[in-house]
Amino acid sequence: MIDWAQVNTLRDDVGKDEFEEIVEIFIDEVEDVIERLRTTPDLKTLGDDLHFLKGSALNLGFSTFSEHCQRGEANSAAGRADQVDIPALLMAYDASKGKFIAELPSALNE
């Protein structure tokens, strides 16, 4: 669900202080798009939203969530945005975020 090696690599590359800021920015920016998908998903922009979410998820190690985004993005690009399972995608995000927050302190190699 979480690629902890990616998380550690990112933290090592940017430093501990910058990493904490990146996590905050990631959560803020992703939450904006997630909230839009929860309340008023727009099938015309769904592919773009999922592309953004996929990239953000990969950078921070949310591997399962990024896979959901990839499948949704592919469906959107093929003209099947109406077939994207938005509830499953949102559940994957919620589960990934919960695991990430709960396990982050012990998962980082200090």
N, C-alpha and C. Protein backbone atom coordinates (compact mmCIF):
# COMPACT_ATOMS: atom_id res chain seq x y z
N MET A 1 0.82 -1.19 0.00
CA MET A 1 0.00 0.00 0.00
C MET A 1 0.87 1.26 0.00
N ILE A 2 1.91 1.26 0.84
CA ILE A 2 2.86 2.37 0.89
C ILE A 2 4.24 1.82 0.53
N ASP A 3 4.89 2.48 -0.38
CA ASP A 3 6.25 2.13 -0.77
C ASP A 3 7.19 2.91 0.15
N TRP A 4 7.54 2.28 1.28
CA TRP A 4 8.35 2.97 2.28
C TRP A 4 9.76 3.26 1.78
N ALA A 5 10.27 2.45 0.86
CA ALA A 5 11.58 2.74 0.27
C ALA A 5 11.53 4.08 -0.47
N GLN A 6 10.45 4.33 -1.20
CA GLN A 6 10.27 5.60 -1.90
C GLN A 6 10.18 6.75 -0.90
N VAL A 7 9.45 6.54 0.17
CA VAL A 7 9.30 7.58 1.20
C VAL A 7 10.67 7.92 1.78
N ASN A 8 11.44 6.90 2.13
CA ASN A 8 12.77 7.13 2.69
C ASN A 8 13.70 7.80 1.68
N THR A 9 13.63 7.40 0.43
CA THR A 9 14.46 8.02 -0.60
C THR A 9 14.13 9.50 -0.74
N LEU A 10 12.84 9.81 -0.78
CA LEU A 10 12.42 11.20 -0.87
C LEU A 10 12.93 12.00 0.32
N ARG A 11 12.75 11.45 1.51
CA ARG A 11 13.20 12.15 2.72
C ARG A 11 14.71 12.35 2.70
N ASP A 12 15.46 11.33 2.27
CA ASP A 12 16.92 11.45 2.20
C ASP A 12 17.35 12.47 1.15
N ASP A 13 16.61 12.53 0.03
CA ASP A 13 16.96 13.45 -1.05
C ASP A 13 16.72 14.91 -0.67
N VAL A 14 15.63 15.17 0.05
CA VAL A 14 15.27 16.58 0.33
C VAL A 14 15.64 17.02 1.73
N GLY A 15 15.92 16.09 2.63
CA GLY A 15 16.22 16.44 4.01
C GLY A 15 14.96 16.39 4.87
N LYS A 16 15.17 16.21 6.16
CA LYS A 16 14.05 16.01 7.07
C LYS A 16 13.09 17.20 7.11
N ASP A 17 13.62 18.42 7.22
CA ASP A 17 12.75 19.59 7.31
C ASP A 17 11.94 19.79 6.04
N GLU A 18 12.60 19.69 4.90
CA GLU A 18 11.90 19.84 3.62
C GLU A 18 10.89 18.71 3.42
N PHE A 19 11.24 17.52 3.87
CA PHE A 19 10.33 16.38 3.73
C PHE A 19 9.02 16.65 4.46
N GLU A 20 9.09 17.16 5.67
CA GLU A 20 7.88 17.45 6.44
C GLU A 20 7.02 18.47 5.70
N GLU A 21 7.65 19.46 5.08
CA GLU A 21 6.91 20.46 4.31
C GLU A 21 6.28 19.83 3.07
N ILE A 22 7.01 18.95 2.41
CA ILE A 22 6.48 18.27 1.22
C ILE A 22 5.26 17.43 1.58
N VAL A 23 5.32 16.74 2.71
CA VAL A 23 4.18 15.94 3.15
C VAL A 23 2.97 16.84 3.38
N GLU A 24 3.16 17.97 4.04
CA GLU A 24 2.05 18.90 4.28
C GLU A 24 1.47 19.41 2.98
N ILE A 25 2.33 19.81 2.05
CA ILE A 25 1.86 20.32 0.76
C ILE A 25 1.13 19.22 0.00
N PHE A 26 1.68 18.02 0.01
CA PHE A 26 1.05 16.89 -0.67
C PHE A 26 -0.37 16.68 -0.14
N ILE A 27 -0.49 16.59 1.17
CA ILE A 27 -1.81 16.35 1.77
C ILE A 27 -2.77 17.48 1.42
N ASP A 28 -2.33 18.72 1.54
CA ASP A 28 -3.21 19.86 1.22
C ASP A 28 -3.68 19.83 -0.22
N GLU A 29 -2.73 19.68 -1.16
CA GLU A 29 -3.09 19.72 -2.58
C GLU A 29 -3.94 18.52 -2.99
N VAL A 30 -3.58 17.36 -2.49
CA VAL A 30 -4.34 16.16 -2.83
C VAL A 30 -5.74 16.22 -2.22
N GLU A 31 -5.83 16.70 -0.99
CA GLU A 31 -7.13 16.78 -0.33
C GLU A 31 -8.09 17.69 -1.11
N ASP A 32 -7.59 18.74 -1.73
CA ASP A 32 -8.45 19.62 -2.54
C ASP A 32 -9.09 18.83 -3.67
N VAL A 33 -8.30 18.03 -4.37
CA VAL A 33 -8.82 17.25 -5.49
C VAL A 33 -9.72 16.12 -4.98
N ILE A 34 -9.32 15.49 -3.89
CA ILE A 34 -10.13 14.41 -3.31
C ILE A 34 -11.49 14.93 -2.90
N GLU A 35 -11.52 16.10 -2.29
CA GLU A 35 -12.80 16.68 -1.87
C GLU A 35 -13.69 16.94 -3.08
N ARG A 36 -13.09 17.42 -4.16
CA ARG A 36 -13.87 17.65 -5.38
C ARG A 36 -14.43 16.33 -5.91
N LEU A 37 -13.63 15.26 -5.86
CA LEU A 37 -14.12 13.96 -6.32
C LEU A 37 -15.21 13.42 -5.41
N ARG A 38 -15.13 13.74 -4.13
CA ARG A 38 -16.17 13.30 -3.18
C ARG A 38 -17.50 14.02 -3.42
N THR A 39 -17.42 15.29 -3.74
CA THR A 39 -18.63 16.11 -3.76
C THR A 39 -19.16 16.39 -5.16
N THR A 40 -18.29 16.79 -6.07
CA THR A 40 -18.74 17.19 -7.40
C THR A 40 -17.77 16.71 -8.48
N PRO A 41 -17.64 15.41 -8.65
CA PRO A 41 -16.71 14.94 -9.69
C PRO A 41 -17.17 15.40 -11.07
N ASP A 42 -16.22 15.84 -11.86
CA ASP A 42 -16.50 16.29 -13.21
C ASP A 42 -15.84 15.31 -14.18
N LEU A 43 -16.64 14.57 -14.89
CA LEU A 43 -16.10 13.55 -15.79
C LEU A 43 -15.25 14.15 -16.90
N LYS A 44 -15.48 15.43 -17.23
CA LYS A 44 -14.68 16.07 -18.28
C LYS A 44 -13.24 16.31 -17.83
N THR A 45 -13.04 16.52 -16.55
CA THR A 45 -11.69 16.80 -16.04
C THR A 45 -11.15 15.65 -15.18
N LEU A 46 -11.87 14.56 -15.12
CA LEU A 46 -11.48 13.44 -14.27
C LEU A 46 -10.10 12.90 -14.64
N GLY A 47 -9.83 12.75 -15.92
CA GLY A 47 -8.53 12.25 -16.35
C GLY A 47 -7.39 13.13 -15.87
N ASP A 48 -7.56 14.44 -15.96
CA ASP A 48 -6.54 15.37 -15.49
C ASP A 48 -6.38 15.28 -13.97
N ASP A 49 -7.50 15.19 -13.27
CA ASP A 49 -7.44 15.06 -11.80
C ASP A 49 -6.70 13.78 -11.41
N LEU A 50 -7.00 12.69 -12.09
CA LEU A 50 -6.37 11.42 -11.75
C LEU A 50 -4.89 11.41 -12.13
N HIS A 51 -4.54 12.10 -13.20
CA HIS A 51 -3.13 12.21 -13.58
C HIS A 51 -2.36 12.95 -12.48
N PHE A 52 -2.92 14.05 -12.00
CA PHE A 52 -2.29 14.80 -10.91
C PHE A 52 -2.16 13.93 -9.66
N LEU A 53 -3.25 13.27 -9.29
CA LEU A 53 -3.24 12.43 -8.09
C LEU A 53 -2.23 11.29 -8.21
N LYS A 54 -2.17 10.67 -9.39
CA LYS A 54 -1.24 9.57 -9.61
C LYS A 54 0.20 10.03 -9.40
N GLY A 55 0.56 11.14 -9.99
CA GLY A 55 1.92 11.65 -9.85
C GLY A 55 2.26 11.99 -8.41
N SER A 56 1.34 12.65 -7.74
CA SER A 56 1.56 13.00 -6.34
C SER A 56 1.70 11.73 -5.50
N ALA A 57 0.84 10.77 -5.76
CA ALA A 57 0.86 9.52 -4.99
C ALA A 57 2.17 8.77 -5.19
N LEU A 58 2.65 8.71 -6.41
CA LEU A 58 3.91 8.01 -6.68
C LEU A 58 5.08 8.69 -5.97
N ASN A 59 5.09 10.01 -5.97
CA ASN A 59 6.18 10.73 -5.31
C ASN A 59 6.24 10.44 -3.83
N LEU A 60 5.10 10.26 -3.19
CA LEU A 60 5.08 10.05 -1.75
C LEU A 60 4.87 8.59 -1.37
N GLY A 61 4.95 7.70 -2.34
CA GLY A 61 4.94 6.27 -2.03
C GLY A 61 3.57 5.65 -1.84
N PHE A 62 2.50 6.33 -2.23
CA PHE A 62 1.15 5.77 -2.11
C PHE A 62 0.90 4.84 -3.31
N SER A 63 1.51 3.68 -3.30
CA SER A 63 1.52 2.81 -4.46
C SER A 63 0.14 2.27 -4.84
N THR A 64 -0.62 1.79 -3.89
CA THR A 64 -1.95 1.24 -4.20
C THR A 64 -2.87 2.33 -4.74
N PHE A 65 -2.85 3.48 -4.11
CA PHE A 65 -3.67 4.59 -4.57
C PHE A 65 -3.26 5.02 -5.97
N SER A 66 -1.96 5.06 -6.24
CA SER A 66 -1.51 5.47 -7.58
C SER A 66 -1.98 4.48 -8.64
N GLU A 67 -2.05 3.19 -8.29
CA GLU A 67 -2.55 2.18 -9.23
C GLU A 67 -4.02 2.43 -9.56
N HIS A 68 -4.81 2.77 -8.55
CA HIS A 68 -6.22 3.12 -8.79
C HIS A 68 -6.32 4.33 -9.71
N CYS A 69 -5.48 5.33 -9.46
CA CYS A 69 -5.49 6.53 -10.28
C CYS A 69 -5.10 6.20 -11.72
N GLN A 70 -4.10 5.34 -11.90
CA GLN A 70 -3.65 4.95 -13.23
C GLN A 70 -4.77 4.29 -14.02
N ARG A 71 -5.47 3.36 -13.38
CA ARG A 71 -6.59 2.69 -14.06
C ARG A 71 -7.68 3.69 -14.43
N GLY A 72 -8.00 4.59 -13.51
CA GLY A 72 -9.02 5.60 -13.79
C GLY A 72 -8.60 6.55 -14.88
N GLU A 73 -7.34 6.93 -14.87
CA GLU A 73 -6.82 7.82 -15.90
C GLU A 73 -6.90 7.14 -17.27
N ALA A 74 -6.55 5.87 -17.33
CA ALA A 74 -6.62 5.12 -18.59
C ALA A 74 -8.06 5.03 -19.09
N ASN A 75 -8.99 4.75 -18.19
CA ASN A 75 -10.41 4.71 -18.59
C ASN A 75 -10.86 6.07 -19.11
N SER A 76 -10.47 7.13 -18.41
CA SER A 76 -10.85 8.47 -18.84
C SER A 76 -10.29 8.78 -20.22
N ALA A 77 -9.03 8.44 -20.45
CA ALA A 77 -8.40 8.70 -21.74
C ALA A 77 -9.07 7.92 -22.86
N ALA A 78 -9.65 6.77 -22.52
CA ALA A 78 -10.33 5.93 -23.52
C ALA A 78 -11.80 6.30 -23.68
N GLY A 79 -12.20 7.42 -23.08
CA GLY A 79 -13.60 7.85 -23.20
C GLY A 79 -14.55 7.13 -22.26
N ARG A 80 -13.99 6.49 -21.23
CA ARG A 80 -14.83 5.74 -20.29
C ARG A 80 -14.75 6.32 -18.88
N ALA A 81 -14.73 7.63 -18.77
CA ALA A 81 -14.65 8.27 -17.44
C ALA A 81 -15.83 7.85 -16.57
N ASP A 82 -16.95 7.55 -17.20
CA ASP A 82 -18.14 7.15 -16.43
C ASP A 82 -17.96 5.76 -15.80
N GLN A 83 -16.94 5.03 -16.20
CA GLN A 83 -16.68 3.70 -15.64
C GLN A 83 -15.64 3.72 -14.52
N VAL A 84 -15.08 4.90 -14.22
CA VAL A 84 -14.10 5.00 -13.14
C VAL A 84 -14.82 4.80 -11.81
N ASP A 85 -14.29 3.90 -11.01
CA ASP A 85 -14.88 3.59 -9.71
C ASP A 85 -14.36 4.60 -8.68
N ILE A 86 -14.99 5.76 -8.67
CA ILE A 86 -14.55 6.84 -7.78
C ILE A 86 -14.65 6.43 -6.31
N PRO A 87 -15.72 5.76 -5.85
CA PRO A 87 -15.74 5.34 -4.45
C PRO A 87 -14.57 4.44 -4.07
N ALA A 88 -14.18 3.51 -4.93
CA ALA A 88 -13.04 2.64 -4.64
C ALA A 88 -11.75 3.45 -4.60
N LEU A 89 -11.63 4.40 -5.50
CA LEU A 89 -10.45 5.26 -5.53
C LEU A 89 -10.35 6.06 -4.22
N LEU A 90 -11.47 6.60 -3.77
CA LEU A 90 -11.49 7.37 -2.52
C LEU A 90 -11.17 6.49 -1.32
N MET A 91 -11.67 5.27 -1.32
CA MET A 91 -11.35 4.34 -0.23
C MET A 91 -9.86 4.01 -0.22
N ALA A 92 -9.28 3.83 -1.41
CA ALA A 92 -7.84 3.55 -1.50
C ALA A 92 -7.04 4.72 -0.96
N TYR A 93 -7.47 5.94 -1.27
CA TYR A 93 -6.77 7.11 -0.75
C TYR A 93 -6.89 7.18 0.78
N ASP A 94 -8.10 7.03 1.28
CA ASP A 94 -8.31 7.11 2.74
C ASP A 94 -7.48 6.06 3.47
N ALA A 95 -7.45 4.83 2.95
CA ALA A 95 -6.68 3.75 3.59
C ALA A 95 -5.18 4.05 3.51
N SER A 96 -4.72 4.53 2.36
CA SER A 96 -3.30 4.84 2.20
C SER A 96 -2.90 5.99 3.12
N LYS A 97 -3.69 7.01 3.16
CA LYS A 97 -3.38 8.17 4.01
C LYS A 97 -3.34 7.76 5.48
N GLY A 98 -4.32 6.96 5.90
CA GLY A 98 -4.35 6.50 7.29
C GLY A 98 -3.12 5.68 7.65
N LYS A 99 -2.75 4.77 6.77
CA LYS A 99 -1.57 3.93 7.01
C LYS A 99 -0.31 4.79 7.01
N PHE A 100 -0.21 5.71 6.07
CA PHE A 100 0.95 6.57 5.97
C PHE A 100 1.14 7.38 7.26
N ILE A 101 0.10 8.02 7.71
CA ILE A 101 0.18 8.86 8.91
C ILE A 101 0.49 8.01 10.14
N ALA A 102 -0.15 6.86 10.24
CA ALA A 102 0.04 6.01 11.42
C ALA A 102 1.44 5.41 11.48
N GLU A 103 1.99 5.04 10.33
CA GLU A 103 3.25 4.30 10.32
C GLU A 103 4.47 5.15 9.97
N LEU A 104 4.26 6.41 9.58
CA LEU A 104 5.39 7.23 9.13
C LEU A 104 6.50 7.35 10.17
N PRO A 105 6.20 7.65 11.42
CA PRO A 105 7.31 7.82 12.37
C PRO A 105 8.19 6.57 12.51
N SER A 106 7.57 5.40 12.53
CA SER A 106 8.37 4.19 12.70
C SER A 106 8.96 3.67 11.40
N ALA A 107 8.42 4.11 10.27
CA ALA A 107 8.87 3.60 8.97
C ALA A 107 10.09 4.34 8.43
N LEU A 108 10.32 5.55 8.90
CA LEU A 108 11.46 6.31 8.39
C LEU A 108 12.74 5.76 9.00
N ASN A 109 13.71 5.54 8.15
CA ASN A 109 15.03 5.10 8.62
C ASN A 109 15.77 6.33 9.11
N GLU A 110 15.96 6.41 10.39
CA GLU A 110 16.65 7.59 10.96
C GLU A 110 18.14 7.42 10.92
